[in-house]
Amino acid sequence: MYVGALTLDILLGDVRSLKQKRSVVRPLIAELQRRYPSIAVAETGHLDLHRRAEIGVAVVSASAGNCKEVLDACERMVAFRPEIELLSARHRLYNDED
């Protein structure tokens, strides 16, 4: 069993309040969950900043290759969104021996 984790640090566009931030982040999370129903995704950091967000994605799979493939697809989807800028992406892979 493998668990893949992806942490995305994103910069939001013209956002001036936490309410506007939610109107960008919530649809992004919903889109990730809709496209990849086997993942868990949530806003995990920068909760009090208006223009920054950290999104955490996790996937469990029988193979390391499948974990990597799903996380790469999630990263690409976020990177190609025009209203946000992907600042960094950190991948981690855990297996049952860790």
PDB file of N, CA and C in Angstrom:
ATOM      1  N   MET A   1       0.844  -1.174   0.000  1.00  0.00           N
ATOM      2  CA  MET A   1       0.000   0.000   0.000  1.00  0.00           C
ATOM      3  C   MET A   1       0.887   1.234   0.000  1.00  0.00           C
ATOM      4  N   TYR A   2       0.502   2.215  -0.783  1.00  0.00           N
ATOM      5  CA  TYR A   2       1.231   3.477  -0.871  1.00  0.00           C
ATOM      6  C   TYR A   2       0.268   4.634  -0.611  1.00  0.00           C
ATOM      7  N   VAL A   3       0.780   5.635   0.081  1.00  0.00           N
ATOM      8  CA  VAL A   3       0.032   6.865   0.322  1.00  0.00           C
ATOM      9  C   VAL A   3       0.846   7.991  -0.290  1.00  0.00           C
ATOM     10  N   GLY A   4       0.225   8.721  -1.197  1.00  0.00           N
ATOM     11  CA  GLY A   4       0.870   9.866  -1.814  1.00  0.00           C
ATOM     12  C   GLY A   4       0.284  11.144  -1.263  1.00  0.00           C
ATOM     13  N   ALA A   5       1.147  12.114  -0.995  1.00  0.00           N
ATOM     14  CA  ALA A   5       0.702  13.407  -0.489  1.00  0.00           C
ATOM     15  C   ALA A   5       1.288  14.509  -1.355  1.00  0.00           C
ATOM     16  N   LEU A   6       0.474  15.492  -1.649  1.00  0.00           N
ATOM     17  CA  LEU A   6       0.875  16.627  -2.469  1.00  0.00           C
ATOM     18  C   LEU A   6       0.473  17.893  -1.737  1.00  0.00           C
ATOM     19  N   THR A   7       1.417  18.806  -1.569  1.00  0.00           N
ATOM     20  CA  THR A   7       1.137  20.093  -0.957  1.00  0.00           C
ATOM     21  C   THR A   7       1.367  21.167  -2.004  1.00  0.00           C
ATOM     22  N   LEU A   8       0.330  21.940  -2.291  1.00  0.00           N
ATOM     23  CA  LEU A   8       0.394  22.993  -3.300  1.00  0.00           C
ATOM     24  C   LEU A   8       0.316  24.351  -2.616  1.00  0.00           C
ATOM     25  N   ASP A   9       1.289  25.193  -2.862  1.00  0.00           N
ATOM     26  CA  ASP A   9       1.290  26.562  -2.345  1.00  0.00           C
ATOM     27  C   ASP A   9       0.903  27.461  -3.508  1.00  0.00           C
ATOM     28  N   ILE A  10      -0.230  28.146  -3.386  1.00  0.00           N
ATOM     29  CA  ILE A  10      -0.717  28.944  -4.506  1.00  0.00           C
ATOM     30  C   ILE A  10      -0.905  30.402  -4.120  1.00  0.00           C
ATOM     31  N   LEU A  11      -0.729  31.251  -5.115  1.00  0.00           N
ATOM     32  CA  LEU A  11      -0.963  32.686  -4.988  1.00  0.00           C
ATOM     33  C   LEU A  11      -2.217  33.006  -5.779  1.00  0.00           C
ATOM     34  N   LEU A  12      -3.171  33.624  -5.125  1.00  0.00           N
ATOM     35  CA  LEU A  12      -4.442  33.940  -5.763  1.00  0.00           C
ATOM     36  C   LEU A  12      -4.343  35.281  -6.472  1.00  0.00           C
ATOM     37  N   GLY A  13      -5.189  35.483  -7.456  1.00  0.00           N
ATOM     38  CA  GLY A  13      -5.173  36.719  -8.239  1.00  0.00           C
ATOM     39  C   GLY A  13      -5.651  37.920  -7.433  1.00  0.00           C
ATOM     40  N   ASP A  14      -6.569  38.662  -7.979  1.00  0.00           N
ATOM     41  CA  ASP A  14      -7.070  39.905  -7.373  1.00  0.00           C
ATOM     42  C   ASP A  14      -8.084  39.573  -6.279  1.00  0.00           C
ATOM     43  N   VAL A  15      -7.573  39.193  -5.117  1.00  0.00           N
ATOM     44  CA  VAL A  15      -8.410  38.819  -3.978  1.00  0.00           C
ATOM     45  C   VAL A  15      -8.130  39.795  -2.847  1.00  0.00           C
ATOM     46  N   ARG A  16      -9.199  40.391  -2.311  1.00  0.00           N
ATOM     47  CA  ARG A  16      -9.026  41.409  -1.268  1.00  0.00           C
ATOM     48  C   ARG A  16      -9.661  41.051   0.073  1.00  0.00           C
ATOM     49  N   SER A  17     -10.268  39.873   0.150  1.00  0.00           N
ATOM     50  CA  SER A  17     -10.890  39.475   1.413  1.00  0.00           C
ATOM     51  C   SER A  17     -10.880  37.955   1.515  1.00  0.00           C
ATOM     52  N   LEU A  18     -11.124  37.477   2.724  1.00  0.00           N
ATOM     53  CA  LEU A  18     -11.200  36.032   2.923  1.00  0.00           C
ATOM     54  C   LEU A  18     -12.426  35.448   2.219  1.00  0.00           C
ATOM     55  N   LYS A  19     -13.483  36.243   2.100  1.00  0.00           N
ATOM     56  CA  LYS A  19     -14.677  35.792   1.393  1.00  0.00           C
ATOM     57  C   LYS A  19     -14.376  35.583  -0.093  1.00  0.00           C
ATOM     58  N   GLN A  20     -13.648  36.508  -0.695  1.00  0.00           N
ATOM     59  CA  GLN A  20     -13.240  36.345  -2.092  1.00  0.00           C
ATOM     60  C   GLN A  20     -12.303  35.151  -2.242  1.00  0.00           C
ATOM     61  N   LYS A  21     -11.426  34.958  -1.259  1.00  0.00           N
ATOM     62  CA  LYS A  21     -10.510  33.819  -1.292  1.00  0.00           C
ATOM     63  C   LYS A  21     -11.298  32.515  -1.327  1.00  0.00           C
ATOM     64  N   ARG A  22     -12.317  32.399  -0.474  1.00  0.00           N
ATOM     65  CA  ARG A  22     -13.154  31.196  -0.454  1.00  0.00           C
ATOM     66  C   ARG A  22     -13.836  30.969  -1.797  1.00  0.00           C
ATOM     67  N   SER A  23     -14.208  32.064  -2.478  1.00  0.00           N
ATOM     68  CA  SER A  23     -14.898  31.929  -3.767  1.00  0.00           C
ATOM     69  C   SER A  23     -13.966  31.423  -4.862  1.00  0.00           C
ATOM     70  N   VAL A  24     -12.653  31.440  -4.628  1.00  0.00           N
ATOM     71  CA  VAL A  24     -11.688  30.883  -5.573  1.00  0.00           C
ATOM     72  C   VAL A  24     -11.262  29.482  -5.137  1.00  0.00           C
ATOM     73  N   VAL A  25     -11.009  29.306  -3.848  1.00  0.00           N
ATOM     74  CA  VAL A  25     -10.454  28.046  -3.339  1.00  0.00           C
ATOM     75  C   VAL A  25     -11.507  26.928  -3.323  1.00  0.00           C
ATOM     76  N   ARG A  26     -12.714  27.216  -2.901  1.00  0.00           N
ATOM     77  CA  ARG A  26     -13.747  26.170  -2.827  1.00  0.00           C
ATOM     78  C   ARG A  26     -14.046  25.535  -4.185  1.00  0.00           C
ATOM     79  N   PRO A  27     -14.224  26.323  -5.259  1.00  0.00           N
ATOM     80  CA  PRO A  27     -14.441  25.674  -6.566  1.00  0.00           C
ATOM     81  C   PRO A  27     -13.235  24.867  -7.042  1.00  0.00           C
ATOM     82  N   LEU A  28     -12.033  25.303  -6.699  1.00  0.00           N
ATOM     83  CA  LEU A  28     -10.833  24.560  -7.065  1.00  0.00           C
ATOM     84  C   LEU A  28     -10.821  23.195  -6.373  1.00  0.00           C
ATOM     85  N   ILE A  29     -11.113  23.167  -5.096  1.00  0.00           N
ATOM     86  CA  ILE A  29     -11.162  21.921  -4.344  1.00  0.00           C
ATOM     87  C   ILE A  29     -12.281  21.019  -4.884  1.00  0.00           C
ATOM     88  N   ALA A  30     -13.430  21.606  -5.174  1.00  0.00           N
ATOM     89  CA  ALA A  30     -14.550  20.828  -5.709  1.00  0.00           C
ATOM     90  C   ALA A  30     -14.206  20.225  -7.071  1.00  0.00           C
ATOM     91  N   GLU A  31     -13.508  20.978  -7.906  1.00  0.00           N
ATOM     92  CA  GLU A  31     -13.113  20.479  -9.223  1.00  0.00           C
ATOM     93  C   GLU A  31     -12.127  19.322  -9.097  1.00  0.00           C
ATOM     94  N   LEU A  32     -11.173  19.431  -8.195  1.00  0.00           N
ATOM     95  CA  LEU A  32     -10.230  18.337  -7.964  1.00  0.00           C
ATOM     96  C   LEU A  32     -10.968  17.081  -7.514  1.00  0.00           C
ATOM     97  N   GLN A  33     -11.898  17.227  -6.582  1.00  0.00           N
ATOM     98  CA  GLN A  33     -12.648  16.074  -6.085  1.00  0.00           C
ATOM     99  C   GLN A  33     -13.542  15.477  -7.165  1.00  0.00           C
ATOM    100  N   ARG A  34     -14.096  16.315  -8.026  1.00  0.00           N
ATOM    101  CA  ARG A  34     -14.966  15.824  -9.085  1.00  0.00           C
ATOM    102  C   ARG A  34     -14.171  15.041 -10.126  1.00  0.00           C
ATOM    103  N   ARG A  35     -13.019  15.561 -10.519  1.00  0.00           N
ATOM    104  CA  ARG A  35     -12.201  14.899 -11.539  1.00  0.00           C
ATOM    105  C   ARG A  35     -11.515  13.640 -11.026  1.00  0.00           C
ATOM    106  N   TYR A  36     -11.120  13.671  -9.765  1.00  0.00           N
ATOM    107  CA  TYR A  36     -10.383  12.542  -9.181  1.00  0.00           C
ATOM    108  C   TYR A  36     -11.092  12.111  -7.892  1.00  0.00           C
ATOM    109  N   PRO A  37     -12.152  11.309  -8.010  1.00  0.00           N
ATOM    110  CA  PRO A  37     -12.944  10.961  -6.819  1.00  0.00           C
ATOM    111  C   PRO A  37     -12.205  10.106  -5.799  1.00  0.00           C
ATOM    112  N   SER A  38     -11.054   9.556  -6.165  1.00  0.00           N
ATOM    113  CA  SER A  38     -10.322   8.708  -5.216  1.00  0.00           C
ATOM    114  C   SER A  38      -9.394   9.496  -4.300  1.00  0.00           C
ATOM    115  N   ILE A  39      -9.330  10.825  -4.441  1.00  0.00           N
ATOM    116  CA  ILE A  39      -8.420  11.619  -3.612  1.00  0.00           C
ATOM    117  C   ILE A  39      -9.156  12.264  -2.452  1.00  0.00           C
ATOM    118  N   ALA A  40      -8.377  12.690  -1.475  1.00  0.00           N
ATOM    119  CA  ALA A  40      -8.862  13.556  -0.404  1.00  0.00           C
ATOM    120  C   ALA A  40      -8.155  14.881  -0.599  1.00  0.00           C
ATOM    121  N   VAL A  41      -8.882  15.977  -0.521  1.00  0.00           N
ATOM    122  CA  VAL A  41      -8.296  17.295  -0.760  1.00  0.00           C
ATOM    123  C   VAL A  41      -8.912  18.309   0.194  1.00  0.00           C
ATOM    124  N   ALA A  42      -8.072  19.244   0.673  1.00  0.00           N
ATOM    125  CA  ALA A  42      -8.544  20.264   1.602  1.00  0.00           C
ATOM    126  C   ALA A  42      -7.590  21.453   1.584  1.00  0.00           C
ATOM    127  N   GLU A  43      -8.096  22.593   2.021  1.00  0.00           N
ATOM    128  CA  GLU A  43      -7.226  23.749   2.251  1.00  0.00           C
ATOM    129  C   GLU A  43      -6.529  23.507   3.582  1.00  0.00           C
ATOM    130  N   THR A  44      -5.201  23.484   3.569  1.00  0.00           N
ATOM    131  CA  THR A  44      -4.455  23.070   4.759  1.00  0.00           C
ATOM    132  C   THR A  44      -3.565  24.146   5.357  1.00  0.00           C
ATOM    133  N   GLY A  45      -3.432  25.278   4.711  1.00  0.00           N
ATOM    134  CA  GLY A  45      -2.547  26.296   5.256  1.00  0.00           C
ATOM    135  C   GLY A  45      -2.846  27.676   4.724  1.00  0.00           C
ATOM    136  N   HIS A  46      -2.181  28.670   5.300  1.00  0.00           N
ATOM    137  CA  HIS A  46      -2.363  30.088   4.956  1.00  0.00           C
ATOM    138  C   HIS A  46      -3.827  30.490   5.090  1.00  0.00           C
ATOM    139  N   LEU A  47      -4.485  29.992   6.123  1.00  0.00           N
ATOM    140  CA  LEU A  47      -5.916  30.202   6.272  1.00  0.00           C
ATOM    141  C   LEU A  47      -6.286  31.654   6.552  1.00  0.00           C
ATOM    142  N   ASP A  48      -5.370  32.416   7.122  1.00  0.00           N
ATOM    143  CA  ASP A  48      -5.687  33.801   7.471  1.00  0.00           C
ATOM    144  C   ASP A  48      -5.136  34.819   6.461  1.00  0.00           C
ATOM    145  N   LEU A  49      -4.512  34.355   5.394  1.00  0.00           N
ATOM    146  CA  LEU A  49      -3.981  35.256   4.366  1.00  0.00           C
ATOM    147  C   LEU A  49      -4.953  35.338   3.201  1.00  0.00           C
ATOM    148  N   HIS A  50      -5.125  36.539   2.654  1.00  0.00           N
ATOM    149  CA  HIS A  50      -6.097  36.743   1.580  1.00  0.00           C
ATOM    150  C   HIS A  50      -5.633  36.176   0.247  1.00  0.00           C
ATOM    151  N   ARG A  51      -4.385  36.364  -0.107  1.00  0.00           N
ATOM    152  CA  ARG A  51      -3.920  36.031  -1.452  1.00  0.00           C
ATOM    153  C   ARG A  51      -3.133  34.738  -1.535  1.00  0.00           C
ATOM    154  N   ARG A  52      -2.972  34.024  -0.447  1.00  0.00           N
ATOM    155  CA  ARG A  52      -2.219  32.765  -0.446  1.00  0.00           C
ATOM    156  C   ARG A  52      -3.114  31.644   0.041  1.00  0.00           C
ATOM    157  N   ALA A  53      -2.852  30.454  -0.470  1.00  0.00           N
ATOM    158  CA  ALA A  53      -3.569  29.266  -0.008  1.00  0.00           C
ATOM    159  C   ALA A  53      -2.643  28.066  -0.131  1.00  0.00           C
ATOM    160  N   GLU A  54      -2.807  27.133   0.768  1.00  0.00           N
ATOM    161  CA  GLU A  54      -2.105  25.858   0.687  1.00  0.00           C
ATOM    162  C   GLU A  54      -3.172  24.777   0.555  1.00  0.00           C
ATOM    163  N   ILE A  55      -3.031  23.970  -0.483  1.00  0.00           N
ATOM    164  CA  ILE A  55      -3.979  22.897  -0.747  1.00  0.00           C
ATOM    165  C   ILE A  55      -3.253  21.571  -0.543  1.00  0.00           C
ATOM    166  N   GLY A  56      -3.851  20.675   0.232  1.00  0.00           N
ATOM    167  CA  GLY A  56      -3.286  19.359   0.460  1.00  0.00           C
ATOM    168  C   GLY A  56      -4.106  18.305  -0.257  1.00  0.00           C
ATOM    169  N   VAL A  57      -3.422  17.406  -0.940  1.00  0.00           N
ATOM    170  CA  VAL A  57      -4.070  16.319  -1.684  1.00  0.00           C
ATOM    171  C   VAL A  57      -3.443  15.008  -1.212  1.00  0.00           C
ATOM    172  N   ALA A  58      -4.280  13.992  -0.985  1.00  0.00           N
ATOM    173  CA  ALA A  58      -3.778  12.677  -0.586  1.00  0.00           C
ATOM    174  C   ALA A  58      -4.477  11.604  -1.407  1.00  0.00           C
ATOM    175  N   VAL A  59      -3.707  10.552  -1.704  1.00  0.00           N
ATOM    176  CA  VAL A  59      -4.256   9.416  -2.449  1.00  0.00           C
ATOM    177  C   VAL A  59      -3.648   8.131  -1.890  1.00  0.00           C
ATOM    178  N   VAL A  60      -4.444   7.078  -1.840  1.00  0.00           N
ATOM    179  CA  VAL A  60      -3.989   5.766  -1.404  1.00  0.00           C
ATOM    180  C   VAL A  60      -4.117   4.828  -2.594  1.00  0.00           C
ATOM    181  N   SER A  61      -3.055   4.029  -2.848  1.00  0.00           N
ATOM    182  CA  SER A  61      -3.059   3.134  -3.994  1.00  0.00           C
ATOM    183  C   SER A  61      -2.213   1.898  -3.713  1.00  0.00           C
ATOM    184  N   ALA A  62      -2.410   0.901  -4.535  1.00  0.00           N
ATOM    185  CA  ALA A  62      -1.619  -0.322  -4.417  1.00  0.00           C
ATOM    186  C   ALA A  62      -0.240  -0.167  -5.042  1.00  0.00           C
ATOM    187  N   SER A  63      -0.057   0.854  -5.907  1.00  0.00           N
ATOM    188  CA  SER A  63       1.239   1.025  -6.566  1.00  0.00           C
ATOM    189  C   SER A  63       1.728   2.467  -6.436  1.00  0.00           C
ATOM    190  N   ALA A  64       3.031   2.592  -6.358  1.00  0.00           N
ATOM    191  CA  ALA A  64       3.647   3.919  -6.268  1.00  0.00           C
ATOM    192  C   ALA A  64       3.421   4.692  -7.560  1.00  0.00           C
ATOM    193  N   GLY A  65       3.459   4.003  -8.691  1.00  0.00           N
ATOM    194  CA  GLY A  65       3.264   4.659  -9.978  1.00  0.00           C
ATOM    195  C   GLY A  65       1.906   5.302 -10.107  1.00  0.00           C
ATOM    196  N   ASN A  66       0.872   4.629  -9.615  1.00  0.00           N
ATOM    197  CA  ASN A  66      -0.470   5.195  -9.676  1.00  0.00           C
ATOM    198  C   ASN A  66      -0.582   6.427  -8.781  1.00  0.00           C
ATOM    199  N   CYS A  67       0.007   6.377  -7.592  1.00  0.00           N
ATOM    200  CA  CYS A  67       0.008   7.548  -6.705  1.00  0.00           C
ATOM    201  C   CYS A  67       0.639   8.737  -7.410  1.00  0.00           C
ATOM    202  N   LYS A  68       1.804   8.525  -7.990  1.00  0.00           N
ATOM    203  CA  LYS A  68       2.516   9.604  -8.665  1.00  0.00           C
ATOM    204  C   LYS A  68       1.711  10.149  -9.836  1.00  0.00           C
ATOM    205  N   GLU A  69       1.088   9.261 -10.591  1.00  0.00           N
ATOM    206  CA  GLU A  69       0.305   9.673 -11.753  1.00  0.00           C
ATOM    207  C   GLU A  69      -0.878  10.568 -11.344  1.00  0.00           C
ATOM    208  N   VAL A  70      -1.590  10.175 -10.303  1.00  0.00           N
ATOM    209  CA  VAL A  70      -2.745  10.949  -9.843  1.00  0.00           C
ATOM    210  C   VAL A  70      -2.296  12.296  -9.293  1.00  0.00           C
ATOM    211  N   LEU A  71      -1.236  12.319  -8.491  1.00  0.00           N
ATOM    212  CA  LEU A  71      -0.762  13.576  -7.916  1.00  0.00           C
ATOM    213  C   LEU A  71      -0.219  14.510  -8.992  1.00  0.00           C
ATOM    214  N   ASP A  72       0.469  13.972  -9.984  1.00  0.00           N
ATOM    215  CA  ASP A  72       0.947  14.807 -11.102  1.00  0.00           C
ATOM    216  C   ASP A  72      -0.220  15.418 -11.862  1.00  0.00           C
ATOM    217  N   ALA A  73      -1.271  14.652 -12.072  1.00  0.00           N
ATOM    218  CA  ALA A  73      -2.451  15.163 -12.776  1.00  0.00           C
ATOM    219  C   ALA A  73      -3.119  16.284 -11.972  1.00  0.00           C
ATOM    220  N   CYS A  74      -3.189  16.127 -10.656  1.00  0.00           N
ATOM    221  CA  CYS A  74      -3.754  17.174  -9.797  1.00  0.00           C
ATOM    222  C   CYS A  74      -2.906  18.443  -9.867  1.00  0.00           C
ATOM    223  N   GLU A  75      -1.597  18.276  -9.818  1.00  0.00           N
ATOM    224  CA  GLU A  75      -0.696  19.429  -9.898  1.00  0.00           C
ATOM    225  C   GLU A  75      -0.869  20.158 -11.228  1.00  0.00           C
ATOM    226  N   ARG A  76      -0.941  19.422 -12.318  1.00  0.00           N
ATOM    227  CA  ARG A  76      -1.121  20.046 -13.640  1.00  0.00           C
ATOM    228  C   ARG A  76      -2.437  20.800 -13.719  1.00  0.00           C
ATOM    229  N   MET A  77      -3.493  20.214 -13.166  1.00  0.00           N
ATOM    230  CA  MET A  77      -4.787  20.880 -13.216  1.00  0.00           C
ATOM    231  C   MET A  77      -4.749  22.225 -12.499  1.00  0.00           C
ATOM    232  N   VAL A  78      -4.119  22.257 -11.342  1.00  0.00           N
ATOM    233  CA  VAL A  78      -4.016  23.508 -10.576  1.00  0.00           C
ATOM    234  C   VAL A  78      -3.091  24.486 -11.284  1.00  0.00           C
ATOM    235  N   ALA A  79      -1.989  24.005 -11.840  1.00  0.00           N
ATOM    236  CA  ALA A  79      -1.016  24.888 -12.491  1.00  0.00           C
ATOM    237  C   ALA A  79      -1.602  25.594 -13.709  1.00  0.00           C
ATOM    238  N   PHE A  80      -2.541  24.964 -14.384  1.00  0.00           N
ATOM    239  CA  PHE A  80      -3.100  25.551 -15.603  1.00  0.00           C
ATOM    240  C   PHE A  80      -4.312  26.436 -15.354  1.00  0.00           C
ATOM    241  N   ARG A  81      -4.669  26.652 -14.104  1.00  0.00           N
ATOM    242  CA  ARG A  81      -5.778  27.569 -13.805  1.00  0.00           C
ATOM    243  C   ARG A  81      -5.296  28.997 -13.984  1.00  0.00           C
ATOM    244  N   PRO A  82      -5.970  29.805 -14.803  1.00  0.00           N
ATOM    245  CA  PRO A  82      -5.478  31.162 -15.091  1.00  0.00           C
ATOM    246  C   PRO A  82      -5.598  32.136 -13.926  1.00  0.00           C
ATOM    247  N   GLU A  83      -6.526  31.893 -12.999  1.00  0.00           N
ATOM    248  CA  GLU A  83      -6.755  32.860 -11.923  1.00  0.00           C
ATOM    249  C   GLU A  83      -5.808  32.685 -10.734  1.00  0.00           C
ATOM    250  N   ILE A  84      -4.965  31.642 -10.760  1.00  0.00           N
ATOM    251  CA  ILE A  84      -4.023  31.426  -9.669  1.00  0.00           C
ATOM    252  C   ILE A  84      -2.630  31.151 -10.221  1.00  0.00           C
ATOM    253  N   GLU A  85      -1.646  31.342  -9.343  1.00  0.00           N
ATOM    254  CA  GLU A  85      -0.255  31.039  -9.692  1.00  0.00           C
ATOM    255  C   GLU A  85       0.254  29.978  -8.717  1.00  0.00           C
ATOM    256  N   LEU A  86       0.755  28.893  -9.261  1.00  0.00           N
ATOM    257  CA  LEU A  86       1.310  27.827  -8.436  1.00  0.00           C
ATOM    258  C   LEU A  86       2.732  28.202  -8.049  1.00  0.00           C
ATOM    259  N   LEU A  87       2.962  28.450  -6.759  1.00  0.00           N
ATOM    260  CA  LEU A  87       4.282  28.857  -6.275  1.00  0.00           C
ATOM    261  C   LEU A  87       5.187  27.659  -6.039  1.00  0.00           C
ATOM    262  N   SER A  88       4.637  26.595  -5.459  1.00  0.00           N
ATOM    263  CA  SER A  88       5.440  25.397  -5.235  1.00  0.00           C
ATOM    264  C   SER A  88       4.532  24.190  -5.082  1.00  0.00           C
ATOM    265  N   ALA A  89       5.105  23.032  -5.364  1.00  0.00           N
ATOM    266  CA  ALA A  89       4.399  21.761  -5.199  1.00  0.00           C
ATOM    267  C   ALA A  89       5.379  20.775  -4.585  1.00  0.00           C
ATOM    268  N   ARG A  90       4.958  20.123  -3.521  1.00  0.00           N
ATOM    269  CA  ARG A  90       5.819  19.165  -2.843  1.00  0.00           C
ATOM    270  C   ARG A  90       5.132  17.808  -2.807  1.00  0.00           C
ATOM    271  N   HIS A  91       5.777  16.817  -3.391  1.00  0.00           N
ATOM    272  CA  HIS A  91       5.270  15.446  -3.434  1.00  0.00           C
ATOM    273  C   HIS A  91       5.955  14.625  -2.350  1.00  0.00           C
ATOM    274  N   ARG A  92       5.182  13.754  -1.694  1.00  0.00           N
ATOM    275  CA  ARG A  92       5.733  12.790  -0.743  1.00  0.00           C
ATOM    276  C   ARG A  92       5.043  11.460  -0.978  1.00  0.00           C
ATOM    277  N   LEU A  93       5.787  10.398  -0.838  1.00  0.00           N
ATOM    278  CA  LEU A  93       5.250   9.061  -1.034  1.00  0.00           C
ATOM    279  C   LEU A  93       5.630   8.212   0.172  1.00  0.00           C
ATOM    280  N   TYR A  94       4.632   7.590   0.773  1.00  0.00           N
ATOM    281  CA  TYR A  94       4.850   6.728   1.930  1.00  0.00           C
ATOM    282  C   TYR A  94       4.391   5.323   1.568  1.00  0.00           C
ATOM    283  N   ASN A  95       5.111   4.322   2.070  1.00  0.00           N
ATOM    284  CA  ASN A  95       4.648   2.947   1.891  1.00  0.00           C
ATOM    285  C   ASN A  95       4.432   2.323   3.260  1.00  0.00           C
ATOM    286  N   ASP A  96       3.986   1.089   3.303  1.00  0.00           N
ATOM    287  CA  ASP A  96       3.639   0.484   4.581  1.00  0.00           C
ATOM    288  C   ASP A  96       4.837   0.165   5.452  1.00  0.00           C
ATOM    289  N   GLU A  97       6.060   0.309   4.941  1.00  0.00           N
ATOM    290  CA  GLU A  97       7.248   0.130   5.771  1.00  0.00           C
ATOM    291  C   GLU A  97       7.662   1.418   6.487  1.00  0.00           C
ATOM    292  N   ASP A  98       7.114   2.580   6.054  1.00  0.00           N
ATOM    293  CA  ASP A  98       7.477   3.873   6.681  1.00  0.00           C
ATOM    294  C   ASP A  98       6.837   4.024   8.040  1.00  0.00           C
TER     295      ASP A  98
END
